[in-house]
Amino acid sequence: MSQKDFLFRAKLINEWESDEDKVPTVIYPEELPVTFGPFTLNLCPNKQAYLDEIFDPSIDHKVDYDFPLSLLYIDMRLTCVDEDNELLLAEEAFQEIEGLLRLFKSGGIYVRRYYQVWEIKGDKAYNIFFINFAPERPDLNMHYLGGYGIDDDILKDFIIFFKNYWTVVHTKKQPIYSALLRFSSSYEGLTLEERMVDLVIALEALFNDGGDSLAFKVALRCSCLVYPPGQSRKKCYDDLIRFYRDRSIILHGHQIKKPYTSDTINGLEEIVRKAILLFLRLDSQGFNINRMEEIDNHLFFDPKPESTEGQNGQNQ
């Protein structure tokens, strides 16, 4: 069985922090390139062209077409055997790193495939494939998700986070994998209702045991796992029951009475983020996260959930 090594590339797009009516603050790490797992993050040779296109499109710029038009880019090396579909494996891996970036810290961030493929032979890379006709999803969500700056300190914390959880995600451990994919896909929603539906499905992936009274059980388990006893737990429970009701209304083709705000859906996103992080923590402690009985026993006999603060240093 023969093996081949490939190089895939993606552009990293993030929403920068900015004050109203002011030019965004462009933040990026100084200590680049940096490698973690199969990925290498680096500053793009087309950085200036990218910034000129945003801030002063009248400027003519030269572009290196071996790289995307972006501030930062990610290279990924992939080893494949004969029966592997290297394009599919690359798409999955980029989805997974995108999901981890979104789980690590709130805010708009996107990993978009650059459709060139190189085969690596020895110390040289040979361009073997270029395709650029796939429909491009929106680079930035129409609803503000918050800024996502990446400096050296944030990158250092993310690499620790990546080392802790990449294997769990890349081996598609359930129910974390399904929950993370739905959590991440919520960033692609063109409406707040679409985002809400994806986030509720992510919670179902974690807390659904296939029985009756699904909304009640998911809301109760999630609120008790994420929050200690008190008003925050009660509010979380009430909010999740309402989201379930509204999801049913939307999926049956009707309109909800009160439109959502970005703050409301971003709040739901944070609940889902904390729930997934706690499942990752329970998995690292040896819990069988596929059995709801173990999760319920944890809630009954160890009622103080471990805080998600400090797991990545960036929860907000």
C-alpha atoms as a PDB file:
ATOM      1  CA  MET A   1       0.000   0.000   0.000  1.00  0.00           C
ATOM      2  CA  SER A   2       1.605   3.245  -1.141  1.00  0.00           C
ATOM      3  CA  GLN A   3       1.488   6.585   0.653  1.00  0.00           C
ATOM      4  CA  LYS A   4       1.455  10.142  -0.654  1.00  0.00           C
ATOM      5  CA  ASP A   5       1.988  13.414   1.196  1.00  0.00           C
ATOM      6  CA  PHE A   6      -0.120  16.432   0.269  1.00  0.00           C
ATOM      7  CA  LEU A   7      -0.138  20.096   1.197  1.00  0.00           C
ATOM      8  CA  PHE A   8      -3.451  21.941   1.507  1.00  0.00           C
ATOM      9  CA  ARG A   9      -3.912  25.633   2.240  1.00  0.00           C
ATOM     10  CA  ALA A  10      -6.695  27.753   3.753  1.00  0.00           C
ATOM     11  CA  LYS A  11      -7.201  31.403   4.541  1.00  0.00           C
ATOM     12  CA  LEU A  12      -8.051  32.438   8.082  1.00  0.00           C
ATOM     13  CA  ILE A  13     -10.582  35.246   8.339  1.00  0.00           C
ATOM     14  CA  ASN A  14     -11.501  36.881  11.633  1.00  0.00           C
ATOM     15  CA  GLU A  15     -13.663  39.808  12.705  1.00  0.00           C
ATOM     16  CA  TRP A  16     -11.481  42.526  14.155  1.00  0.00           C
ATOM     17  CA  GLU A  17     -12.348  44.549  17.213  1.00  0.00           C
ATOM     18  CA  SER A  18     -13.201  48.169  16.473  1.00  0.00           C
ATOM     19  CA  ASP A  19     -14.852  51.172  18.062  1.00  0.00           C
ATOM     20  CA  GLU A  20     -17.813  52.719  16.311  1.00  0.00           C
ATOM     21  CA  ASP A  21     -16.811  54.877  13.314  1.00  0.00           C
ATOM     22  CA  LYS A  22     -13.145  53.919  13.722  1.00  0.00           C
ATOM     23  CA  VAL A  23     -10.847  51.816  11.580  1.00  0.00           C
ATOM     24  CA  PRO A  24     -10.610  48.258  12.991  1.00  0.00           C
ATOM     25  CA  THR A  25      -7.485  47.357  14.948  1.00  0.00           C
ATOM     26  CA  VAL A  26      -5.597  44.784  12.889  1.00  0.00           C
ATOM     27  CA  ILE A  27      -4.088  42.248  15.287  1.00  0.00           C
ATOM     28  CA  TYR A  28      -1.945  39.271  14.388  1.00  0.00           C
ATOM     29  CA  PRO A  29       0.837  37.282  16.085  1.00  0.00           C
ATOM     30  CA  GLU A  30       4.430  38.384  15.681  1.00  0.00           C
ATOM     31  CA  GLU A  31       5.910  34.944  16.436  1.00  0.00           C
ATOM     32  CA  LEU A  32       5.069  33.239  13.156  1.00  0.00           C
ATOM     33  CA  PRO A  33       5.095  30.660  11.647  1.00  0.00           C
ATOM     34  CA  VAL A  34       3.865  28.292  14.343  1.00  0.00           C
ATOM     35  CA  THR A  35       3.037  24.595  13.875  1.00  0.00           C
ATOM     36  CA  PHE A  36       0.498  22.550  15.851  1.00  0.00           C
ATOM     37  CA  GLY A  37      -0.487  19.048  14.812  1.00  0.00           C
ATOM     38  CA  PRO A  38      -0.662  18.880  10.992  1.00  0.00           C
ATOM     39  CA  PHE A  39      -1.249  22.657  10.728  1.00  0.00           C
ATOM     40  CA  THR A  40       1.066  25.633  10.306  1.00  0.00           C
ATOM     41  CA  LEU A  41      -0.226  29.174  10.836  1.00  0.00           C
ATOM     42  CA  ASN A  42       1.662  31.945   9.082  1.00  0.00           C
ATOM     43  CA  LEU A  43       1.434  35.526   7.893  1.00  0.00           C
ATOM     44  CA  CYS A  44       0.291  35.631   4.280  1.00  0.00           C
ATOM     45  CA  PRO A  45       2.588  37.096   1.596  1.00  0.00           C
ATOM     46  CA  ASN A  46      -0.554  38.823   0.280  1.00  0.00           C
ATOM     47  CA  LYS A  47      -1.130  40.615   3.601  1.00  0.00           C
ATOM     48  CA  GLN A  48      -0.684  44.129   2.212  1.00  0.00           C
ATOM     49  CA  ALA A  49      -2.824  43.453  -0.842  1.00  0.00           C
ATOM     50  CA  TYR A  50      -5.530  42.101   1.457  1.00  0.00           C
ATOM     51  CA  LEU A  51      -5.424  45.169   3.725  1.00  0.00           C
ATOM     52  CA  ASP A  52      -5.358  47.541   0.742  1.00  0.00           C
ATOM     53  CA  GLU A  53      -8.443  45.863  -0.714  1.00  0.00           C
ATOM     54  CA  ILE A  54     -10.288  46.461   2.568  1.00  0.00           C
ATOM     55  CA  PHE A  55      -9.113  49.956   3.486  1.00  0.00           C
ATOM     56  CA  ASP A  56      -8.145  51.520   0.130  1.00  0.00           C
ATOM     57  CA  PRO A  57      -9.333  49.525  -2.913  1.00  0.00           C
ATOM     58  CA  SER A  58      -7.902  52.182  -5.265  1.00  0.00           C
ATOM     59  CA  ILE A  59      -4.358  50.951  -4.592  1.00  0.00           C
ATOM     60  CA  ASP A  60      -2.936  48.572  -7.183  1.00  0.00           C
ATOM     61  CA  HIS A  61      -1.363  45.533  -5.618  1.00  0.00           C
ATOM     62  CA  LYS A  62       0.522  42.447  -6.658  1.00  0.00           C
ATOM     63  CA  VAL A  63      -0.767  39.047  -5.588  1.00  0.00           C
ATOM     64  CA  ASP A  64       1.118  35.781  -5.133  1.00  0.00           C
ATOM     65  CA  TYR A  65      -1.412  33.291  -6.456  1.00  0.00           C
ATOM     66  CA  ASP A  66       0.106  30.412  -4.530  1.00  0.00           C
ATOM     67  CA  PHE A  67      -1.508  32.000  -1.461  1.00  0.00           C
ATOM     68  CA  PRO A  68      -5.000  33.276  -0.641  1.00  0.00           C
ATOM     69  CA  LEU A  69      -5.836  36.950  -0.281  1.00  0.00           C
ATOM     70  CA  SER A  70      -5.795  37.129   3.503  1.00  0.00           C
ATOM     71  CA  LEU A  71      -3.887  38.333   6.548  1.00  0.00           C
ATOM     72  CA  LEU A  72      -3.158  34.852   7.927  1.00  0.00           C
ATOM     73  CA  TYR A  73      -3.217  31.447   6.287  1.00  0.00           C
ATOM     74  CA  ILE A  74      -3.067  27.829   7.438  1.00  0.00           C
ATOM     75  CA  ASP A  75      -1.092  25.072   5.738  1.00  0.00           C
ATOM     76  CA  MET A  76      -1.946  21.447   6.427  1.00  0.00           C
ATOM     77  CA  ARG A  77       0.142  18.396   5.585  1.00  0.00           C
ATOM     78  CA  LEU A  78      -1.815  15.224   4.989  1.00  0.00           C
ATOM     79  CA  THR A  79      -0.517  11.684   4.435  1.00  0.00           C
ATOM     80  CA  CYS A  80      -2.887   9.479   2.417  1.00  0.00           C
ATOM     81  CA  VAL A  81      -2.898   5.850   1.334  1.00  0.00           C
ATOM     82  CA  ASP A  82      -4.283   4.539  -1.935  1.00  0.00           C
ATOM     83  CA  GLU A  83      -7.950   4.304  -0.978  1.00  0.00           C
ATOM     84  CA  ASP A  84      -8.095   7.698   0.748  1.00  0.00           C
ATOM     85  CA  ASN A  85      -9.956  10.634  -0.756  1.00  0.00           C
ATOM     86  CA  GLU A  86      -7.475  13.371   0.039  1.00  0.00           C
ATOM     87  CA  LEU A  87      -9.865  16.214  -0.812  1.00  0.00           C
ATOM     88  CA  LEU A  88     -12.548  14.888   1.534  1.00  0.00           C
ATOM     89  CA  LEU A  89     -10.035  14.300   4.341  1.00  0.00           C
ATOM     90  CA  ALA A  90      -8.708  17.837   3.908  1.00  0.00           C
ATOM     91  CA  GLU A  91     -12.208  19.336   4.061  1.00  0.00           C
ATOM     92  CA  GLU A  92     -12.950  17.414   7.255  1.00  0.00           C
ATOM     93  CA  ALA A  93      -9.689  18.469   8.909  1.00  0.00           C
ATOM     94  CA  PHE A  94     -10.233  22.140   8.060  1.00  0.00           C
ATOM     95  CA  GLN A  95     -13.784  21.894   9.435  1.00  0.00           C
ATOM     96  CA  GLU A  96     -12.388  20.421  12.635  1.00  0.00           C
ATOM     97  CA  ILE A  97      -9.745  23.112  13.172  1.00  0.00           C
ATOM     98  CA  GLU A  98     -12.368  25.762  12.400  1.00  0.00           C
ATOM     99  CA  GLY A  99     -14.677  24.202  15.006  1.00  0.00           C
ATOM    100  CA  LEU A 100     -11.923  24.184  17.638  1.00  0.00           C
ATOM    101  CA  LEU A 101     -11.083  27.843  16.950  1.00  0.00           C
ATOM    102  CA  ARG A 102     -14.739  28.723  17.457  1.00  0.00           C
ATOM    103  CA  LEU A 103     -15.038  26.599  20.584  1.00  0.00           C
ATOM    104  CA  PHE A 104     -11.890  28.126  22.065  1.00  0.00           C
ATOM    105  CA  LYS A 105     -13.071  31.736  21.932  1.00  0.00           C
ATOM    106  CA  SER A 106     -16.248  33.567  21.009  1.00  0.00           C
ATOM    107  CA  GLY A 107     -16.251  35.824  17.979  1.00  0.00           C
ATOM    108  CA  GLY A 108     -16.368  35.584  14.216  1.00  0.00           C
ATOM    109  CA  ILE A 109     -13.649  33.382  12.721  1.00  0.00           C
ATOM    110  CA  TYR A 110     -13.651  31.394   9.480  1.00  0.00           C
ATOM    111  CA  VAL A 111     -11.318  28.886   7.804  1.00  0.00           C
ATOM    112  CA  ARG A 112     -11.865  28.951   4.042  1.00  0.00           C
ATOM    113  CA  ARG A 113     -10.220  26.395   1.750  1.00  0.00           C
ATOM    114  CA  TYR A 114      -7.875  27.729  -0.899  1.00  0.00           C
ATOM    115  CA  TYR A 115      -8.369  25.380  -3.807  1.00  0.00           C
ATOM    116  CA  GLN A 116      -4.819  24.452  -4.628  1.00  0.00           C
ATOM    117  CA  VAL A 117      -3.277  21.088  -3.782  1.00  0.00           C
ATOM    118  CA  TRP A 118       0.397  20.234  -3.737  1.00  0.00           C
ATOM    119  CA  GLU A 119       1.954  16.781  -3.645  1.00  0.00           C
ATOM    120  CA  ILE A 120       5.098  16.699  -1.534  1.00  0.00           C
ATOM    121  CA  LYS A 121       8.002  14.656  -2.875  1.00  0.00           C
ATOM    122  CA  GLY A 122      11.151  14.855  -0.809  1.00  0.00           C
ATOM    123  CA  ASP A 123      11.718  18.511   0.013  1.00  0.00           C
ATOM    124  CA  LYS A 124       9.679  19.861  -2.928  1.00  0.00           C
ATOM    125  CA  ALA A 125       5.967  20.517  -3.386  1.00  0.00           C
ATOM    126  CA  TYR A 126       4.400  20.087  -6.836  1.00  0.00           C
ATOM    127  CA  ASN A 127       1.139  21.820  -7.685  1.00  0.00           C
ATOM    128  CA  ILE A 128      -1.187  19.084  -8.914  1.00  0.00           C
ATOM    129  CA  PHE A 129      -4.652  20.539  -8.572  1.00  0.00           C
ATOM    130  CA  PHE A 130      -6.436  23.879  -8.719  1.00  0.00           C
ATOM    131  CA  ILE A 131     -10.165  24.383  -8.520  1.00  0.00           C
ATOM    132  CA  ASN A 132     -12.002  27.564  -7.681  1.00  0.00           C
ATOM    133  CA  PHE A 133     -15.581  26.989  -8.795  1.00  0.00           C
ATOM    134  CA  ALA A 134     -17.007  25.780  -5.483  1.00  0.00           C
ATOM    135  CA  PRO A 135     -19.617  28.213  -4.120  1.00  0.00           C
ATOM    136  CA  GLU A 136     -18.116  30.420  -1.442  1.00  0.00           C
ATOM    137  CA  ARG A 137     -20.016  30.631   1.810  1.00  0.00           C
ATOM    138  CA  PRO A 138     -20.185  34.112   3.352  1.00  0.00           C
ATOM    139  CA  ASP A 139     -16.840  35.044   4.858  1.00  0.00           C
ATOM    140  CA  LEU A 140     -18.460  37.066   7.609  1.00  0.00           C
ATOM    141  CA  ASN A 141     -21.836  36.452   9.197  1.00  0.00           C
ATOM    142  CA  MET A 142     -24.414  39.186   8.621  1.00  0.00           C
ATOM    143  CA  HIS A 143     -25.009  39.247  12.383  1.00  0.00           C
ATOM    144  CA  TYR A 144     -22.163  40.540  14.537  1.00  0.00           C
ATOM    145  CA  LEU A 145     -20.531  37.687  16.426  1.00  0.00           C
ATOM    146  CA  GLY A 146     -17.971  39.777  18.271  1.00  0.00           C
ATOM    147  CA  GLY A 147     -14.349  40.428  17.498  1.00  0.00           C
ATOM    148  CA  TYR A 148     -11.819  37.619  17.331  1.00  0.00           C
ATOM    149  CA  GLY A 149      -8.290  38.978  17.540  1.00  0.00           C
ATOM    150  CA  ILE A 150      -5.301  36.638  17.478  1.00  0.00           C
ATOM    151  CA  ASP A 151      -2.111  37.863  19.111  1.00  0.00           C
ATOM    152  CA  ASP A 152       0.837  35.895  20.469  1.00  0.00           C
ATOM    153  CA  ASP A 153      -0.742  35.313  23.897  1.00  0.00           C
ATOM    154  CA  ILE A 154      -4.061  34.125  22.453  1.00  0.00           C
ATOM    155  CA  LEU A 155      -2.247  31.883  19.991  1.00  0.00           C
ATOM    156  CA  LYS A 156      -0.166  30.359  22.798  1.00  0.00           C
ATOM    157  CA  ASP A 157      -3.337  29.562  24.770  1.00  0.00           C
ATOM    158  CA  PHE A 158      -5.008  28.107  21.675  1.00  0.00           C
ATOM    159  CA  ILE A 159      -2.100  25.748  21.013  1.00  0.00           C
ATOM    160  CA  ILE A 160      -2.473  24.369  24.555  1.00  0.00           C
ATOM    161  CA  PHE A 161      -6.210  24.007  23.938  1.00  0.00           C
ATOM    162  CA  PHE A 162      -5.525  22.306  20.593  1.00  0.00           C
ATOM    163  CA  LYS A 163      -3.117  19.792  22.145  1.00  0.00           C
ATOM    164  CA  ASN A 164      -5.699  18.909  24.820  1.00  0.00           C
ATOM    165  CA  TYR A 165      -8.618  18.299  22.480  1.00  0.00           C
ATOM    166  CA  TRP A 166      -7.490  17.765  18.870  1.00  0.00           C
ATOM    167  CA  THR A 167      -7.306  13.982  19.178  1.00  0.00           C
ATOM    168  CA  VAL A 168     -10.829  13.782  20.632  1.00  0.00           C
ATOM    169  CA  VAL A 169     -12.211  15.865  17.770  1.00  0.00           C
ATOM    170  CA  HIS A 170     -10.120  14.407  14.944  1.00  0.00           C
ATOM    171  CA  THR A 171     -11.041  10.829  15.906  1.00  0.00           C
ATOM    172  CA  LYS A 172     -14.699  11.923  15.793  1.00  0.00           C
ATOM    173  CA  LYS A 173     -15.508  10.926  19.354  1.00  0.00           C
ATOM    174  CA  GLN A 174     -19.239  11.080  19.980  1.00  0.00           C
ATOM    175  CA  PRO A 175     -21.322  12.884  21.052  1.00  0.00           C
ATOM    176  CA  ILE A 176     -18.724  15.681  21.131  1.00  0.00           C
ATOM    177  CA  TYR A 177     -17.989  15.530  17.399  1.00  0.00           C
ATOM    178  CA  SER A 178     -21.607  15.917  16.261  1.00  0.00           C
ATOM    179  CA  ALA A 179     -22.214  18.673  18.799  1.00  0.00           C
ATOM    180  CA  LEU A 180     -19.101  20.575  17.706  1.00  0.00           C
ATOM    181  CA  LEU A 181     -20.005  20.381  14.003  1.00  0.00           C
ATOM    182  CA  ARG A 182     -23.491  21.756  14.696  1.00  0.00           C
ATOM    183  CA  PHE A 183     -22.066  24.399  17.028  1.00  0.00           C
ATOM    184  CA  SER A 184     -19.629  25.464  14.311  1.00  0.00           C
ATOM    185  CA  SER A 185     -22.238  25.410  11.542  1.00  0.00           C
ATOM    186  CA  SER A 186     -24.270  27.944  13.521  1.00  0.00           C
ATOM    187  CA  TYR A 187     -21.646  30.501  12.471  1.00  0.00           C
ATOM    188  CA  GLU A 188     -22.770  30.064   8.879  1.00  0.00           C
ATOM    189  CA  GLY A 189     -26.438  30.859   9.502  1.00  0.00           C
ATOM    190  CA  LEU A 190     -27.741  33.802   7.477  1.00  0.00           C
ATOM    191  CA  THR A 191     -30.476  34.479  10.031  1.00  0.00           C
ATOM    192  CA  LEU A 192     -30.571  34.380  13.803  1.00  0.00           C
ATOM    193  CA  GLU A 193     -33.256  31.693  13.599  1.00  0.00           C
ATOM    194  CA  GLU A 194     -30.919  29.457  11.581  1.00  0.00           C
ATOM    195  CA  ARG A 195     -28.210  29.950  14.185  1.00  0.00           C
ATOM    196  CA  MET A 196     -30.633  29.059  16.973  1.00  0.00           C
ATOM    197  CA  VAL A 197     -31.754  25.834  15.278  1.00  0.00           C
ATOM    198  CA  ASP A 198     -28.164  24.626  14.841  1.00  0.00           C
ATOM    199  CA  LEU A 199     -27.267  25.447  18.441  1.00  0.00           C
ATOM    200  CA  VAL A 200     -30.273  23.586  19.843  1.00  0.00           C
ATOM    201  CA  ILE A 201     -29.394  20.551  17.706  1.00  0.00           C
ATOM    202  CA  ALA A 202     -25.871  20.709  19.164  1.00  0.00           C
ATOM    203  CA  LEU A 203     -27.363  20.460  22.662  1.00  0.00           C
ATOM    204  CA  GLU A 204     -29.514  17.521  21.564  1.00  0.00           C
ATOM    205  CA  ALA A 205     -26.392  15.732  20.383  1.00  0.00           C
ATOM    206  CA  LEU A 206     -24.968  16.032  23.892  1.00  0.00           C
ATOM    207  CA  PHE A 207     -28.004  15.442  26.111  1.00  0.00           C
ATOM    208  CA  ASN A 208     -30.577  13.461  24.113  1.00  0.00           C
ATOM    209  CA  ASP A 209     -31.156   9.917  25.415  1.00  0.00           C
ATOM    210  CA  GLY A 210     -33.803   9.042  22.834  1.00  0.00           C
ATOM    211  CA  GLY A 211     -36.663   9.037  25.319  1.00  0.00           C
ATOM    212  CA  ASP A 212     -39.724  11.204  25.788  1.00  0.00           C
ATOM    213  CA  SER A 213     -39.894  14.804  27.068  1.00  0.00           C
ATOM    214  CA  LEU A 214     -36.811  15.738  25.084  1.00  0.00           C
ATOM    215  CA  ALA A 215     -37.029  19.513  25.588  1.00  0.00           C
ATOM    216  CA  PHE A 216     -37.450  19.130  29.346  1.00  0.00           C
ATOM    217  CA  LYS A 217     -34.557  16.680  29.755  1.00  0.00           C
ATOM    218  CA  VAL A 218     -32.101  18.549  27.545  1.00  0.00           C
ATOM    219  CA  ALA A 219     -32.905  21.874  29.211  1.00  0.00           C
ATOM    220  CA  LEU A 220     -32.655  20.393  32.718  1.00  0.00           C
ATOM    221  CA  ARG A 221     -29.435  18.470  32.112  1.00  0.00           C
ATOM    222  CA  CYS A 222     -27.717  21.328  30.321  1.00  0.00           C
ATOM    223  CA  SER A 223     -28.665  24.015  32.842  1.00  0.00           C
ATOM    224  CA  CYS A 224     -27.600  21.811  35.762  1.00  0.00           C
ATOM    225  CA  LEU A 225     -24.297  20.880  34.126  1.00  0.00           C
ATOM    226  CA  VAL A 226     -23.344  24.396  33.070  1.00  0.00           C
ATOM    227  CA  TYR A 227     -24.538  26.453  36.042  1.00  0.00           C
ATOM    228  CA  PRO A 228     -24.538  25.979  39.828  1.00  0.00           C
ATOM    229  CA  PRO A 229     -27.860  26.160  41.725  1.00  0.00           C
ATOM    230  CA  GLY A 230     -29.349  29.632  41.614  1.00  0.00           C
ATOM    231  CA  GLN A 231     -30.822  32.212  39.296  1.00  0.00           C
ATOM    232  CA  SER A 232     -28.380  31.568  36.436  1.00  0.00           C
ATOM    233  CA  ARG A 233     -29.359  27.889  36.311  1.00  0.00           C
ATOM    234  CA  LYS A 234     -33.075  28.730  36.394  1.00  0.00           C
ATOM    235  CA  LYS A 235     -32.684  31.345  33.643  1.00  0.00           C
ATOM    236  CA  CYS A 236     -30.755  28.905  31.471  1.00  0.00           C
ATOM    237  CA  TYR A 237     -33.471  26.270  31.909  1.00  0.00           C
ATOM    238  CA  ASP A 238     -36.270  28.728  31.064  1.00  0.00           C
ATOM    239  CA  ASP A 239     -34.387  30.065  28.041  1.00  0.00           C
ATOM    240  CA  LEU A 240     -33.718  26.580  26.640  1.00  0.00           C
ATOM    241  CA  ILE A 241     -37.378  25.585  27.016  1.00  0.00           C
ATOM    242  CA  ARG A 242     -38.298  28.719  25.038  1.00  0.00           C
ATOM    243  CA  PHE A 243     -35.704  27.973  22.350  1.00  0.00           C
ATOM    244  CA  TYR A 244     -37.133  24.459  21.951  1.00  0.00           C
ATOM    245  CA  ARG A 245     -40.634  25.853  21.582  1.00  0.00           C
ATOM    246  CA  ASP A 246     -39.506  28.389  18.993  1.00  0.00           C
ATOM    247  CA  ARG A 247     -37.467  25.805  17.104  1.00  0.00           C
ATOM    248  CA  SER A 248     -40.591  23.667  16.699  1.00  0.00           C
ATOM    249  CA  ILE A 249     -42.529  26.685  15.442  1.00  0.00           C
ATOM    250  CA  ILE A 250     -39.816  27.528  12.887  1.00  0.00           C
ATOM    251  CA  LEU A 251     -39.413  23.950  11.638  1.00  0.00           C
ATOM    252  CA  HIS A 252     -43.165  23.741  11.066  1.00  0.00           C
ATOM    253  CA  GLY A 253     -42.974  26.744   8.767  1.00  0.00           C
ATOM    254  CA  HIS A 254     -44.350  29.413  11.082  1.00  0.00           C
ATOM    255  CA  GLN A 255     -42.921  32.654  12.397  1.00  0.00           C
ATOM    256  CA  ILE A 256     -42.080  33.199  16.041  1.00  0.00           C
ATOM    257  CA  LYS A 257     -43.858  36.079  17.767  1.00  0.00           C
ATOM    258  CA  LYS A 258     -40.798  37.905  19.081  1.00  0.00           C
ATOM    259  CA  PRO A 259     -37.707  38.186  16.832  1.00  0.00           C
ATOM    260  CA  TYR A 260     -34.354  37.351  18.356  1.00  0.00           C
ATOM    261  CA  THR A 261     -31.490  39.755  18.879  1.00  0.00           C
ATOM    262  CA  SER A 262     -27.830  38.998  18.248  1.00  0.00           C
ATOM    263  CA  ASP A 263     -27.174  39.224  21.984  1.00  0.00           C
ATOM    264  CA  THR A 264     -29.810  36.554  22.701  1.00  0.00           C
ATOM    265  CA  ILE A 265     -28.357  34.068  20.206  1.00  0.00           C
ATOM    266  CA  ASN A 266     -24.790  34.845  21.247  1.00  0.00           C
ATOM    267  CA  GLY A 267     -25.911  34.013  24.782  1.00  0.00           C
ATOM    268  CA  LEU A 268     -27.255  30.647  23.589  1.00  0.00           C
ATOM    269  CA  GLU A 269     -23.965  30.071  21.774  1.00  0.00           C
ATOM    270  CA  GLU A 270     -22.073  30.589  25.035  1.00  0.00           C
ATOM    271  CA  ILE A 271     -24.274  28.039  26.828  1.00  0.00           C
ATOM    272  CA  VAL A 272     -23.526  25.471  24.101  1.00  0.00           C
ATOM    273  CA  ARG A 273     -19.818  26.321  24.178  1.00  0.00           C
ATOM    274  CA  LYS A 274     -19.673  25.732  27.941  1.00  0.00           C
ATOM    275  CA  ALA A 275     -21.608  22.471  27.622  1.00  0.00           C
ATOM    276  CA  ILE A 276     -19.223  21.082  24.982  1.00  0.00           C
ATOM    277  CA  LEU A 277     -16.183  22.161  27.016  1.00  0.00           C
ATOM    278  CA  LEU A 278     -17.588  20.416  30.087  1.00  0.00           C
ATOM    279  CA  PHE A 279     -18.153  17.231  28.076  1.00  0.00           C
ATOM    280  CA  LEU A 280     -14.518  17.425  26.979  1.00  0.00           C
ATOM    281  CA  ARG A 281     -13.487  17.842  30.613  1.00  0.00           C
ATOM    282  CA  LEU A 282     -15.659  14.890  31.731  1.00  0.00           C
ATOM    283  CA  ASP A 283     -14.218  12.752  28.950  1.00  0.00           C
ATOM    284  CA  SER A 284     -10.672  13.602  30.082  1.00  0.00           C
ATOM    285  CA  GLN A 285     -11.670  12.502  33.612  1.00  0.00           C
ATOM    286  CA  GLY A 286     -12.784   9.079  32.388  1.00  0.00           C
ATOM    287  CA  PHE A 287     -16.566   9.548  32.254  1.00  0.00           C
ATOM    288  CA  ASN A 288     -18.421   7.554  29.622  1.00  0.00           C
ATOM    289  CA  ILE A 289     -19.959  10.559  27.900  1.00  0.00           C
ATOM    290  CA  ASN A 290     -22.020   8.325  25.599  1.00  0.00           C
ATOM    291  CA  ARG A 291     -24.150   7.162  28.538  1.00  0.00           C
ATOM    292  CA  MET A 292     -26.657   9.663  29.875  1.00  0.00           C
ATOM    293  CA  GLU A 293     -26.796   7.616  33.081  1.00  0.00           C
ATOM    294  CA  GLU A 294     -23.217   8.659  33.832  1.00  0.00           C
ATOM    295  CA  ILE A 295     -23.979  12.306  33.113  1.00  0.00           C
ATOM    296  CA  ASP A 296     -27.082  12.115  35.326  1.00  0.00           C
ATOM    297  CA  ASN A 297     -25.093  10.472  38.121  1.00  0.00           C
ATOM    298  CA  HIS A 298     -22.549  13.259  37.865  1.00  0.00           C
ATOM    299  CA  LEU A 299     -25.333  15.824  38.258  1.00  0.00           C
ATOM    300  CA  PHE A 300     -26.937  13.953  41.186  1.00  0.00           C
ATOM    301  CA  PHE A 301     -23.835  13.114  43.186  1.00  0.00           C
ATOM    302  CA  ASP A 302     -21.397  15.841  42.158  1.00  0.00           C
ATOM    303  CA  PRO A 303     -23.746  18.794  41.774  1.00  0.00           C
ATOM    304  CA  LYS A 304     -21.056  21.461  41.524  1.00  0.00           C
ATOM    305  CA  PRO A 305     -20.028  21.517  37.853  1.00  0.00           C
ATOM    306  CA  GLU A 306     -16.399  22.195  37.123  1.00  0.00           C
ATOM    307  CA  SER A 307     -16.083  25.684  35.738  1.00  0.00           C
ATOM    308  CA  THR A 308     -15.161  26.079  32.095  1.00  0.00           C
ATOM    309  CA  GLU A 309     -13.076  29.088  33.103  1.00  0.00           C
ATOM    310  CA  GLY A 310      -9.398  28.367  32.663  1.00  0.00           C
ATOM    311  CA  GLN A 311      -9.885  25.474  30.234  1.00  0.00           C
ATOM    312  CA  ASN A 312      -8.835  27.748  27.408  1.00  0.00           C
ATOM    313  CA  GLY A 313      -8.254  31.090  29.090  1.00  0.00           C
ATOM    314  CA  GLN A 314     -10.547  32.819  26.582  1.00  0.00           C
ATOM    315  CA  ASN A 315     -14.143  32.077  27.598  1.00  0.00           C
ATOM    316  CA  GLN A 316     -16.167  35.230  27.686  1.00  0.00           C
END
